[in-house]
PDB file of N, CA and C in Angstrom:
ATOM      1  N   MET A   1      -2.076  11.671   2.108  1.00  0.00           N
ATOM      2  CA  MET A   1      -1.081  12.320   3.065  1.00  0.00           C
ATOM      3  C   MET A   1       0.243  12.270   2.530  1.00  0.00           C
ATOM      4  N   SER A   2       0.643  13.518   2.061  1.00  0.00           N
ATOM      5  CA  SER A   2       2.054  13.582   1.678  1.00  0.00           C
ATOM      6  C   SER A   2       2.926  13.861   2.795  1.00  0.00           C
ATOM      7  N   GLY A   3       4.264  13.805   2.760  1.00  0.00           N
ATOM      8  CA  GLY A   3       5.215  14.143   3.627  1.00  0.00           C
ATOM      9  C   GLY A   3       5.410  13.054   4.910  1.00  0.00           C
ATOM     10  N   PHE A   4       5.066  12.066   4.543  1.00  0.00           N
ATOM     11  CA  PHE A   4       5.203  10.918   5.768  1.00  0.00           C
ATOM     12  C   PHE A   4       6.726  10.751   5.811  1.00  0.00           C
ATOM     13  N   ASP A   5       7.191  10.753   6.937  1.00  0.00           N
ATOM     14  CA  ASP A   5       8.737  10.736   7.067  1.00  0.00           C
ATOM     15  C   ASP A   5       9.206   9.283   6.958  1.00  0.00           C
ATOM     16  N   ASP A   6      10.690   9.109   6.569  1.00  0.00           N
ATOM     17  CA  ASP A   6      11.033   7.803   6.306  1.00  0.00           C
ATOM     18  C   ASP A   6      11.301   7.071   7.664  1.00  0.00           C
ATOM     19  N   GLU A   7      11.205   7.758   8.937  1.00  0.00           N
ATOM     20  CA  GLU A   7      11.150   7.199  10.139  1.00  0.00           C
ATOM     21  C   GLU A   7       9.901   6.554  10.651  1.00  0.00           C
ATOM     22  N   GLU A   8       8.846   6.753   9.677  1.00  0.00           N
ATOM     23  CA  GLU A   8       7.366   6.348  10.212  1.00  0.00           C
ATOM     24  C   GLU A   8       7.086   5.088   9.470  1.00  0.00           C
ATOM     25  N   GLU A   9       6.295   4.181  10.180  1.00  0.00           N
ATOM     26  CA  GLU A   9       5.880   2.847   9.665  1.00  0.00           C
ATOM     27  C   GLU A   9       4.431   3.264   9.009  1.00  0.00           C
ATOM     28  N   GLU A  10       4.040   2.687   7.943  1.00  0.00           N
ATOM     29  CA  GLU A  10       2.895   2.863   7.233  1.00  0.00           C
ATOM     30  C   GLU A  10       1.933   1.708   7.049  1.00  0.00           C
ATOM     31  N   TYR A  11       0.687   1.858   6.729  1.00  0.00           N
ATOM     32  CA  TYR A  11      -0.312   0.786   6.202  1.00  0.00           C
ATOM     33  C   TYR A  11      -1.150   1.612   5.273  1.00  0.00           C
ATOM     34  N   ARG A  12      -1.383   0.741   4.155  1.00  0.00           N
ATOM     35  CA  ARG A  12      -2.343   1.314   3.117  1.00  0.00           C
ATOM     36  C   ARG A  12      -3.202  -0.046   2.908  1.00  0.00           C
ATOM     37  N   GLY A  13      -4.347   0.092   2.871  1.00  0.00           N
ATOM     38  CA  GLY A  13      -5.259  -0.900   2.620  1.00  0.00           C
ATOM     39  C   GLY A  13      -6.602  -0.680   3.169  1.00  0.00           C
ATOM     40  N   THR A  14      -7.512  -1.925   3.336  1.00  0.00           N
ATOM     41  CA  THR A  14      -8.845  -1.677   3.877  1.00  0.00           C
ATOM     42  C   THR A  14      -8.870  -1.820   5.385  1.00  0.00           C
ATOM     43  N   VAL A  15      -9.637  -1.194   6.069  1.00  0.00           N
ATOM     44  CA  VAL A  15      -9.667  -1.373   7.451  1.00  0.00           C
ATOM     45  C   VAL A  15     -11.217  -1.176   7.731  1.00  0.00           C
ATOM     46  N   THR A  16     -11.495  -1.858   9.084  1.00  0.00           N
ATOM     47  CA  THR A  16     -12.850  -1.700   9.570  1.00  0.00           C
ATOM     48  C   THR A  16     -12.753  -0.733  10.661  1.00  0.00           C
ATOM     49  N   ILE A  17     -13.662   0.134  10.609  1.00  0.00           N
ATOM     50  CA  ILE A  17     -13.813   1.447  11.613  1.00  0.00           C
ATOM     51  C   ILE A  17     -15.074   0.982  12.543  1.00  0.00           C
ATOM     52  N   VAL A  18     -15.058   0.786  13.608  1.00  0.00           N
ATOM     53  CA  VAL A  18     -16.046   0.605  14.734  1.00  0.00           C
ATOM     54  C   VAL A  18     -16.376   1.610  15.523  1.00  0.00           C
ATOM     55  N   LEU A  19     -17.481   2.112  15.724  1.00  0.00           N
ATOM     56  CA  LEU A  19     -17.970   3.319  16.486  1.00  0.00           C
ATOM     57  C   LEU A  19     -17.848   2.865  17.826  1.00  0.00           C
ATOM     58  N   GLN A  20     -17.249   3.657  18.587  1.00  0.00           N
ATOM     59  CA  GLN A  20     -17.038   3.382  20.094  1.00  0.00           C
ATOM     60  C   GLN A  20     -17.869   4.242  21.002  1.00  0.00           C
ATOM     61  N   ASP A  21     -18.446   5.471  20.502  1.00  0.00           N
ATOM     62  CA  ASP A  21     -19.106   6.405  21.189  1.00  0.00           C
ATOM     63  C   ASP A  21     -20.434   5.907  21.876  1.00  0.00           C
ATOM     64  N   PRO A  22     -20.905   6.516  22.844  1.00  0.00           N
ATOM     65  CA  PRO A  22     -22.154   6.212  23.398  1.00  0.00           C
ATOM     66  C   PRO A  22     -23.266   6.155  22.351  1.00  0.00           C
ATOM     67  N   PRO A  23     -24.286   5.253  22.359  1.00  0.00           N
ATOM     68  CA  PRO A  23     -25.348   5.276  21.428  1.00  0.00           C
ATOM     69  C   PRO A  23     -25.944   6.614  21.101  1.00  0.00           C
ATOM     70  N   GLU A  24     -26.237   7.359  22.148  1.00  0.00           N
ATOM     71  CA  GLU A  24     -26.877   8.731  22.001  1.00  0.00           C
ATOM     72  C   GLU A  24     -25.998   9.571  21.337  1.00  0.00           C
ATOM     73  N   SER A  25     -24.730   9.271  20.927  1.00  0.00           N
ATOM     74  CA  SER A  25     -23.805  10.201  20.430  1.00  0.00           C
ATOM     75  C   SER A  25     -23.554   9.567  18.811  1.00  0.00           C
ATOM     76  N   GLY A  26     -24.316   8.564  18.496  1.00  0.00           N
ATOM     77  CA  GLY A  26     -24.233   8.032  17.156  1.00  0.00           C
ATOM     78  C   GLY A  26     -23.306   6.691  17.058  1.00  0.00           C
ATOM     79  N   GLY A  27     -22.934   6.310  18.041  1.00  0.00           N
ATOM     80  CA  GLY A  27     -22.076   5.001  18.176  1.00  0.00           C
ATOM     81  C   GLY A  27     -22.818   3.979  18.958  1.00  0.00           C
ATOM     82  N   SER A  28     -22.810   2.809  18.339  1.00  0.00           N
ATOM     83  CA  SER A  28     -23.560   1.539  18.629  1.00  0.00           C
ATOM     84  C   SER A  28     -22.805   0.346  18.370  1.00  0.00           C
ATOM     85  N   GLY A  29     -21.412   0.598  18.102  1.00  0.00           N
ATOM     86  CA  GLY A  29     -20.601  -0.535  17.750  1.00  0.00           C
ATOM     87  C   GLY A  29     -20.754  -0.985  16.255  1.00  0.00           C
ATOM     88  N   GLU A  30     -21.417   0.039  15.427  1.00  0.00           N
ATOM     89  CA  GLU A  30     -21.677  -0.021  14.020  1.00  0.00           C
ATOM     90  C   GLU A  30     -20.250   0.020  13.395  1.00  0.00           C
ATOM     91  N   SER A  31     -20.093  -0.655  12.330  1.00  0.00           N
ATOM     92  CA  SER A  31     -18.850  -0.672  11.674  1.00  0.00           C
ATOM     93  C   SER A  31     -18.974  -0.202  10.078  1.00  0.00           C
ATOM     94  N   PHE A  32     -17.732   0.002   9.583  1.00  0.00           N
ATOM     95  CA  PHE A  32     -17.671   0.516   8.194  1.00  0.00           C
ATOM     96  C   PHE A  32     -16.330  -0.070   7.684  1.00  0.00           C
ATOM     97  N   LYS A  33     -16.387  -0.474   6.317  1.00  0.00           N
ATOM     98  CA  LYS A  33     -15.137  -0.912   5.773  1.00  0.00           C
ATOM     99  C   LYS A  33     -14.715   0.171   4.874  1.00  0.00           C
ATOM    100  N   VAL A  34     -13.641   0.864   5.134  1.00  0.00           N
ATOM    101  CA  VAL A  34     -12.962   1.955   4.325  1.00  0.00           C
ATOM    102  C   VAL A  34     -11.614   1.611   3.988  1.00  0.00           C
ATOM    103  N   LYS A  35     -11.147   2.322   3.009  1.00  0.00           N
ATOM    104  CA  LYS A  35      -9.673   2.320   2.530  1.00  0.00           C
ATOM    105  C   LYS A  35      -9.044   3.307   3.703  1.00  0.00           C
ATOM    106  N   ALA A  36      -7.950   3.037   3.844  1.00  0.00           N
ATOM    107  CA  ALA A  36      -7.035   3.754   4.662  1.00  0.00           C
ATOM    108  C   ALA A  36      -5.546   4.085   4.318  1.00  0.00           C
ATOM    109  N   HIS A  37      -5.066   5.247   4.715  1.00  0.00           N
ATOM    110  CA  HIS A  37      -3.636   5.416   4.597  1.00  0.00           C
ATOM    111  C   HIS A  37      -3.164   5.794   6.046  1.00  0.00           C
ATOM    112  N   LEU A  38      -2.462   5.029   6.776  1.00  0.00           N
ATOM    113  CA  LEU A  38      -2.145   5.315   8.117  1.00  0.00           C
ATOM    114  C   LEU A  38      -0.589   5.332   8.307  1.00  0.00           C
ATOM    115  N   ALA A  39      -0.178   6.102   9.148  1.00  0.00           N
ATOM    116  CA  ALA A  39       1.203   6.095   9.466  1.00  0.00           C
ATOM    117  C   ALA A  39       1.537   6.626  11.053  1.00  0.00           C
ATOM    118  N   GLY A  40       2.733   6.087  11.445  1.00  0.00           N
ATOM    119  CA  GLY A  40       2.910   6.469  12.818  1.00  0.00           C
ATOM    120  C   GLY A  40       4.333   6.354  13.132  1.00  0.00           C
ATOM    121  N   HIS A  41       4.735   6.987  14.472  1.00  0.00           N
ATOM    122  CA  HIS A  41       6.105   6.958  15.025  1.00  0.00           C
ATOM    123  C   HIS A  41       6.162   7.083  16.364  1.00  0.00           C
ATOM    124  N   PHE A  42       7.298   6.528  17.019  1.00  0.00           N
ATOM    125  CA  PHE A  42       7.375   6.614  18.491  1.00  0.00           C
ATOM    126  C   PHE A  42       7.823   7.941  18.682  1.00  0.00           C
ATOM    127  N   SER A  43       7.308   8.763  19.799  1.00  0.00           N
ATOM    128  CA  SER A  43       7.266   9.925  20.134  1.00  0.00           C
ATOM    129  C   SER A  43       8.215  10.087  21.474  1.00  0.00           C
ATOM    130  N   PRO A  44       9.452  10.346  21.246  1.00  0.00           N
ATOM    131  CA  PRO A  44      10.414  10.413  22.482  1.00  0.00           C
ATOM    132  C   PRO A  44      10.052  11.544  23.369  1.00  0.00           C
ATOM    133  N   LEU A  45       9.238  12.447  23.097  1.00  0.00           N
ATOM    134  CA  LEU A  45       8.887  13.480  23.824  1.00  0.00           C
ATOM    135  C   LEU A  45       7.878  13.107  24.900  1.00  0.00           C
ATOM    136  N   THR A  46       6.947  12.300  24.405  1.00  0.00           N
ATOM    137  CA  THR A  46       5.895  11.881  25.149  1.00  0.00           C
ATOM    138  C   THR A  46       5.848  10.422  25.542  1.00  0.00           C
ATOM    139  N   GLY A  47       6.906   9.715  24.974  1.00  0.00           N
ATOM    140  CA  GLY A  47       7.039   8.296  25.240  1.00  0.00           C
ATOM    141  C   GLY A  47       6.025   7.294  24.849  1.00  0.00           C
ATOM    142  N   ASP A  48       5.331   7.632  23.819  1.00  0.00           N
ATOM    143  CA  ASP A  48       4.353   6.726  23.361  1.00  0.00           C
ATOM    144  C   ASP A  48       4.416   6.837  21.889  1.00  0.00           C
ATOM    145  N   TYR A  49       3.541   6.033  21.179  1.00  0.00           N
ATOM    146  CA  TYR A  49       3.443   5.816  19.761  1.00  0.00           C
ATOM    147  C   TYR A  49       2.176   6.544  19.435  1.00  0.00           C
ATOM    148  N   ARG A  50       2.559   7.627  18.301  1.00  0.00           N
ATOM    149  CA  ARG A  50       1.521   8.504  17.738  1.00  0.00           C
ATOM    150  C   ARG A  50       1.216   8.063  16.272  1.00  0.00           C
ATOM    151  N   TRP A  51       0.008   7.873  15.908  1.00  0.00           N
ATOM    152  CA  TRP A  51      -0.271   7.444  14.467  1.00  0.00           C
ATOM    153  C   TRP A  51      -1.420   8.310  14.110  1.00  0.00           C
ATOM    154  N   LYS A  52      -1.556   8.671  12.721  1.00  0.00           N
ATOM    155  CA  LYS A  52      -2.494   9.222  12.111  1.00  0.00           C
ATOM    156  C   LYS A  52      -2.975   8.755  10.630  1.00  0.00           C
ATOM    157  N   GLY A  53      -3.844   9.220  10.128  1.00  0.00           N
ATOM    158  CA  GLY A  53      -4.213   8.877   8.854  1.00  0.00           C
ATOM    159  C   GLY A  53      -5.393   9.501   8.113  1.00  0.00           C
ATOM    160  N   ARG A  54      -5.660   8.892   7.005  1.00  0.00           N
ATOM    161  CA  ARG A  54      -6.932   9.440   6.437  1.00  0.00           C
ATOM    162  C   ARG A  54      -7.832   8.178   5.931  1.00  0.00           C
ATOM    163  N   LEU A  55      -9.178   8.346   5.942  1.00  0.00           N
ATOM    164  CA  LEU A  55      -9.978   7.357   5.587  1.00  0.00           C
ATOM    165  C   LEU A  55     -10.695   7.740   4.452  1.00  0.00           C
ATOM    166  N   SER A  56     -11.050   6.743   3.495  1.00  0.00           N
ATOM    167  CA  SER A  56     -11.848   7.162   2.209  1.00  0.00           C
ATOM    168  C   SER A  56     -13.275   7.392   2.637  1.00  0.00           C
ATOM    169  N   ALA A  57     -13.880   8.296   1.847  1.00  0.00           N
ATOM    170  CA  ALA A  57     -15.421   8.781   1.814  1.00  0.00           C
ATOM    171  C   ALA A  57     -16.118   7.429   2.117  1.00  0.00           C
ATOM    172  N   ASP A  58     -16.973   7.649   3.128  1.00  0.00           N
ATOM    173  CA  ASP A  58     -18.157   6.585   3.638  1.00  0.00           C
ATOM    174  C   ASP A  58     -19.274   7.373   3.916  1.00  0.00           C
ATOM    175  N   PRO A  59     -20.483   7.432   3.315  1.00  0.00           N
ATOM    176  CA  PRO A  59     -21.439   8.300   3.854  1.00  0.00           C
ATOM    177  C   PRO A  59     -22.025   7.956   5.198  1.00  0.00           C
ATOM    178  N   GLY A  60     -22.051   6.699   5.441  1.00  0.00           N
ATOM    179  CA  GLY A  60     -22.498   6.191   6.894  1.00  0.00           C
ATOM    180  C   GLY A  60     -21.670   6.712   7.801  1.00  0.00           C
ATOM    181  N   LEU A  61     -20.308   6.681   7.531  1.00  0.00           N
ATOM    182  CA  LEU A  61     -19.288   7.266   8.617  1.00  0.00           C
ATOM    183  C   LEU A  61     -19.505   8.665   8.945  1.00  0.00           C
ATOM    184  N   THR A  62     -19.687   9.384   7.684  1.00  0.00           N
ATOM    185  CA  THR A  62     -19.991  10.700   7.870  1.00  0.00           C
ATOM    186  C   THR A  62     -21.076  11.026   8.600  1.00  0.00           C
ATOM    187  N   GLU A  63     -22.232  10.455   8.365  1.00  0.00           N
ATOM    188  CA  GLU A  63     -23.496  10.542   9.068  1.00  0.00           C
ATOM    189  C   GLU A  63     -23.142  10.250  10.567  1.00  0.00           C
ATOM    190  N   ALA A  64     -22.525   9.188  10.932  1.00  0.00           N
ATOM    191  CA  ALA A  64     -22.266   9.045  12.436  1.00  0.00           C
ATOM    192  C   ALA A  64     -21.385  10.119  12.964  1.00  0.00           C
ATOM    193  N   TYR A  65     -20.473  10.604  12.138  1.00  0.00           N
ATOM    194  CA  TYR A  65     -19.647  11.823  12.676  1.00  0.00           C
ATOM    195  C   TYR A  65     -20.650  13.011  12.960  1.00  0.00           C
ATOM    196  N   LYS A  66     -21.397  13.216  11.974  1.00  0.00           N
ATOM    197  CA  LYS A  66     -22.285  14.423  12.072  1.00  0.00           C
ATOM    198  C   LYS A  66     -23.282  14.199  13.487  1.00  0.00           C
ATOM    199  N   SER A  67     -23.526  12.978  13.897  1.00  0.00           N
ATOM    200  CA  SER A  67     -24.281  12.544  14.942  1.00  0.00           C
ATOM    201  C   SER A  67     -23.610  12.693  16.259  1.00  0.00           C
ATOM    202  N   GLY A  68     -22.281  12.905  16.127  1.00  0.00           N
ATOM    203  CA  GLY A  68     -21.523  13.017  17.342  1.00  0.00           C
ATOM    204  C   GLY A  68     -20.399  11.897  17.645  1.00  0.00           C
ATOM    205  N   ALA A  69     -20.265  10.832  16.633  1.00  0.00           N
ATOM    206  CA  ALA A  69     -19.438   9.819  16.912  1.00  0.00           C
ATOM    207  C   ALA A  69     -18.014  10.467  16.663  1.00  0.00           C
ATOM    208  N   ARG A  70     -16.988  10.006  17.587  1.00  0.00           N
ATOM    209  CA  ARG A  70     -15.785  10.560  17.585  1.00  0.00           C
ATOM    210  C   ARG A  70     -14.666   9.254  17.772  1.00  0.00           C
ATOM    211  N   THR A  71     -14.937   8.648  18.770  1.00  0.00           N
ATOM    212  CA  THR A  71     -13.877   7.449  19.176  1.00  0.00           C
ATOM    213  C   THR A  71     -14.426   6.274  18.394  1.00  0.00           C
ATOM    214  N   VAL A  72     -13.195   5.869  17.817  1.00  0.00           N
ATOM    215  CA  VAL A  72     -13.271   4.627  16.865  1.00  0.00           C
ATOM    216  C   VAL A  72     -12.168   3.544  17.341  1.00  0.00           C
ATOM    217  N   ILE A  73     -12.576   2.502  16.817  1.00  0.00           N
ATOM    218  CA  ILE A  73     -11.431   1.336  16.839  1.00  0.00           C
ATOM    219  C   ILE A  73     -11.244   1.252  15.412  1.00  0.00           C
ATOM    220  N   VAL A  74      -9.990   1.420  14.874  1.00  0.00           N
ATOM    221  CA  VAL A  74      -9.492   1.063  13.654  1.00  0.00           C
ATOM    222  C   VAL A  74      -8.783  -0.229  13.575  1.00  0.00           C
ATOM    223  N   ARG A  75      -9.403  -1.225  12.724  1.00  0.00           N
ATOM    224  CA  ARG A  75      -8.837  -2.597  12.599  1.00  0.00           C
ATOM    225  C   ARG A  75      -8.501  -3.077  11.397  1.00  0.00           C
ATOM    226  N   THR A  76      -7.081  -3.475  11.335  1.00  0.00           N
ATOM    227  CA  THR A  76      -6.818  -4.020   9.991  1.00  0.00           C
ATOM    228  C   THR A  76      -7.146  -5.490   9.717  1.00  0.00           C
ATOM    229  N   PRO A  77      -7.171  -6.141   8.568  1.00  0.00           N
ATOM    230  CA  PRO A  77      -7.636  -7.457   8.173  1.00  0.00           C
ATOM    231  C   PRO A  77      -6.723  -8.408   8.988  1.00  0.00           C
ATOM    232  N   ASP A  78      -5.480  -8.178   9.319  1.00  0.00           N
ATOM    233  CA  ASP A  78      -4.564  -8.958  10.037  1.00  0.00           C
ATOM    234  C   ASP A  78      -4.879  -8.868  11.360  1.00  0.00           C
ATOM    235  N   GLY A  79      -5.697  -8.386  11.903  1.00  0.00           N
ATOM    236  CA  GLY A  79      -6.141  -8.310  13.474  1.00  0.00           C
ATOM    237  C   GLY A  79      -5.662  -7.053  14.387  1.00  0.00           C
ATOM    238  N   HIS A  80      -4.610  -6.350  13.870  1.00  0.00           N
ATOM    239  CA  HIS A  80      -4.207  -5.179  14.539  1.00  0.00           C
ATOM    240  C   HIS A  80      -5.246  -4.162  14.687  1.00  0.00           C
ATOM    241  N   GLU A  81      -5.466  -3.632  15.841  1.00  0.00           N
ATOM    242  CA  GLU A  81      -6.284  -2.487  15.889  1.00  0.00           C
ATOM    243  C   GLU A  81      -5.879  -1.590  16.978  1.00  0.00           C
ATOM    244  N   GLY A  82      -6.386  -0.361  16.712  1.00  0.00           N
ATOM    245  CA  GLY A  82      -5.869   0.678  17.619  1.00  0.00           C
ATOM    246  C   GLY A  82      -7.109   1.737  17.671  1.00  0.00           C
ATOM    247  N   VAL A  83      -7.187   2.627  18.886  1.00  0.00           N
ATOM    248  CA  VAL A  83      -8.333   3.431  19.200  1.00  0.00           C
ATOM    249  C   VAL A  83      -7.961   4.721  18.720  1.00  0.00           C
ATOM    250  N   GLY A  84      -8.715   5.399  17.984  1.00  0.00           N
ATOM    251  CA  GLY A  84      -8.387   6.643  17.431  1.00  0.00           C
ATOM    252  C   GLY A  84      -9.712   7.328  17.512  1.00  0.00           C
ATOM    253  N   VAL A  85      -9.350   8.688  17.033  1.00  0.00           N
ATOM    254  CA  VAL A  85     -10.271   9.900  17.193  1.00  0.00           C
ATOM    255  C   VAL A  85     -10.626  10.355  15.722  1.00  0.00           C
ATOM    256  N   LEU A  86     -11.878  10.577  15.264  1.00  0.00           N
ATOM    257  CA  LEU A  86     -12.318  11.002  13.849  1.00  0.00           C
ATOM    258  C   LEU A  86     -12.302  12.423  13.913  1.00  0.00           C
ATOM    259  N   ASP A  87     -11.865  13.173  12.762  1.00  0.00           N
ATOM    260  CA  ASP A  87     -11.938  14.560  12.574  1.00  0.00           C
ATOM    261  C   ASP A  87     -12.896  14.703  11.474  1.00  0.00           C
ATOM    262  N   SER A  88     -13.350  16.063  11.276  1.00  0.00           N
ATOM    263  CA  SER A  88     -14.275  16.333  10.483  1.00  0.00           C
ATOM    264  C   SER A  88     -13.885  16.041   8.845  1.00  0.00           C
ATOM    265  N   ALA A  89     -14.649  15.873   7.985  1.00  0.00           N
ATOM    266  CA  ALA A  89     -14.504  15.345   6.744  1.00  0.00           C
ATOM    267  C   ALA A  89     -13.805  16.256   6.002  1.00  0.00           C
ATOM    268  N   ASN A  90     -12.861  15.799   5.038  1.00  0.00           N
ATOM    269  CA  ASN A  90     -12.074  16.612   4.204  1.00  0.00           C
ATOM    270  C   ASN A  90     -12.797  17.070   3.004  1.00  0.00           C
ATOM    271  N   LEU A  91     -12.148  17.572   2.035  1.00  0.00           N
ATOM    272  CA  LEU A  91     -12.824  18.086   0.716  1.00  0.00           C
ATOM    273  C   LEU A  91     -13.221  16.882  -0.163  1.00  0.00           C
ATOM    274  N   TRP A  92     -12.761  15.716   0.102  1.00  0.00           N
ATOM    275  CA  TRP A  92     -13.138  14.591  -0.680  1.00  0.00           C
ATOM    276  C   TRP A  92     -14.120  13.677   0.043  1.00  0.00           C
ATOM    277  N   GLY A  93     -14.485  14.101   1.290  1.00  0.00           N
ATOM    278  CA  GLY A  93     -15.448  13.440   1.983  1.00  0.00           C
ATOM    279  C   GLY A  93     -14.728  12.346   2.866  1.00  0.00           C
ATOM    280  N   GLY A  94     -13.441  11.966   2.799  1.00  0.00           N
ATOM    281  CA  GLY A  94     -13.039  11.238   3.726  1.00  0.00           C
ATOM    282  C   GLY A  94     -12.733  11.969   5.262  1.00  0.00           C
ATOM    283  N   HIS A  95     -12.292  11.053   6.267  1.00  0.00           N
ATOM    284  CA  HIS A  95     -12.141  11.616   7.630  1.00  0.00           C
ATOM    285  C   HIS A  95     -10.713  11.327   7.988  1.00  0.00           C
ATOM    286  N   PRO A  96     -10.154  12.285   8.523  1.00  0.00           N
ATOM    287  CA  PRO A  96      -8.723  12.183   9.118  1.00  0.00           C
ATOM    288  C   PRO A  96      -8.913  11.327  10.417  1.00  0.00           C
ATOM    289  N   VAL A  97      -8.129  10.510  10.850  1.00  0.00           N
ATOM    290  CA  VAL A  97      -8.241   9.786  12.094  1.00  0.00           C
ATOM    291  C   VAL A  97      -6.850   9.736  12.764  1.00  0.00           C
ATOM    292  N   SER A  98      -6.642   9.896  14.078  1.00  0.00           N
ATOM    293  CA  SER A  98      -5.491  10.030  14.961  1.00  0.00           C
ATOM    294  C   SER A  98      -5.710   9.213  16.158  1.00  0.00           C
ATOM    295  N   GLY A  99      -4.594   8.658  16.670  1.00  0.00           N
ATOM    296  CA  GLY A  99      -4.526   8.168  17.821  1.00  0.00           C
ATOM    297  C   GLY A  99      -3.149   8.065  18.333  1.00  0.00           C
ATOM    298  N   SER A 100      -3.066   7.439  19.802  1.00  0.00           N
ATOM    299  CA  SER A 100      -1.834   7.343  20.392  1.00  0.00           C
ATOM    300  C   SER A 100      -1.871   6.010  21.174  1.00  0.00           C
ATOM    301  N   GLY A 101      -0.735   5.371  21.289  1.00  0.00           N
ATOM    302  CA  GLY A 101      -0.681   3.968  21.859  1.00  0.00           C
ATOM    303  C   GLY A 101      -0.572   3.112  20.752  1.00  0.00           C
ATOM    304  N   THR A 102      -1.195   1.628  21.036  1.00  0.00           N
ATOM    305  CA  THR A 102      -1.009   0.747  20.024  1.00  0.00           C
ATOM    306  C   THR A 102      -1.833   0.996  18.686  1.00  0.00           C
ATOM    307  N   PRO A 103      -0.924   1.041  17.427  1.00  0.00           N
ATOM    308  CA  PRO A 103      -1.470   1.251  16.253  1.00  0.00           C
ATOM    309  C   PRO A 103      -2.191   0.156  15.752  1.00  0.00           C
ATOM    310  N   PRO A 104      -2.999   0.692  14.654  1.00  0.00           N
ATOM    311  CA  PRO A 104      -3.898  -0.483  14.050  1.00  0.00           C
ATOM    312  C   PRO A 104      -3.100  -1.253  12.877  1.00  0.00           C
ATOM    313  N   PHE A 105      -1.722  -1.118  12.993  1.00  0.00           N
ATOM    314  CA  PHE A 105      -0.983  -1.753  11.916  1.00  0.00           C
ATOM    315  C   PHE A 105       0.505  -2.383  12.659  1.00  0.00           C
ATOM    316  N   ALA A 106       0.953  -3.312  11.984  1.00  0.00           N
ATOM    317  CA  ALA A 106       2.307  -4.024  12.626  1.00  0.00           C
ATOM    318  C   ALA A 106       3.508  -2.969  12.636  1.00  0.00           C
ATOM    319  N   VAL A 107       4.089  -2.924  13.644  1.00  0.00           N
ATOM    320  CA  VAL A 107       5.270  -2.111  13.864  1.00  0.00           C
ATOM    321  C   VAL A 107       6.589  -3.126  14.183  1.00  0.00           C
ATOM    322  N   PRO A 108       7.759  -2.673  14.049  1.00  0.00           N
ATOM    323  CA  PRO A 108       8.667  -3.671  14.198  1.00  0.00           C
ATOM    324  C   PRO A 108       8.956  -3.828  15.800  1.00  0.00           C
ATOM    325  N   GLN A 109       9.361  -4.856  16.080  1.00  0.00           N
ATOM    326  CA  GLN A 109       9.511  -5.207  17.599  1.00  0.00           C
ATOM    327  C   GLN A 109      10.922  -4.683  17.935  1.00  0.00           C
ATOM    328  N   ILE A 110      11.207  -4.032  19.063  1.00  0.00           N
ATOM    329  CA  ILE A 110      12.374  -3.611  19.492  1.00  0.00           C
ATOM    330  C   ILE A 110      12.823  -4.367  20.774  1.00  0.00           C
ATOM    331  N   GLU A 111      14.001  -4.856  20.789  1.00  0.00           N
ATOM    332  CA  GLU A 111      14.641  -5.557  21.766  1.00  0.00           C
ATOM    333  C   GLU A 111      15.475  -4.625  22.680  1.00  0.00           C
ATOM    334  N   LEU A 112      15.032  -4.553  24.062  1.00  0.00           N
ATOM    335  CA  LEU A 112      15.794  -3.619  24.873  1.00  0.00           C
ATOM    336  C   LEU A 112      16.898  -4.411  25.628  1.00  0.00           C
ATOM    337  N   ASP A 113      18.209  -3.709  25.587  1.00  0.00           N
ATOM    338  CA  ASP A 113      19.278  -4.413  26.231  1.00  0.00           C
ATOM    339  C   ASP A 113      19.116  -4.134  27.832  1.00  0.00           C
ATOM    340  N   ASP A 114      19.663  -5.281  28.761  1.00  0.00           N
ATOM    341  CA  ASP A 114      19.645  -4.648  29.978  1.00  0.00           C
ATOM    342  C   ASP A 114      20.795  -3.891  30.545  1.00  0.00           C
TER     343      ASP A 114
END
């Protein structure tokens, strides 16, 4: 993903993708380890944190997507996780993923003044 802004936090590395959709849609808590490039930023318009990224190709993940799996938990090795939505595979067989709220990577903590 090119064009990530200087204001965005990033994560590059291995993640675990856990399917969260109902079993009849291809989700059964099954998990996949893939490489990811994720980035995000606070959105002042919506008041939440938005993140997005791309996942490396994995035949099992693509098969689950074709069976209807969309909602996933993205978990990094250090224990951070966020709920995201898979999109259709790109030209290289990987899947874009996006979410809002808690991201699956560490972000700086901000202290609010009273």
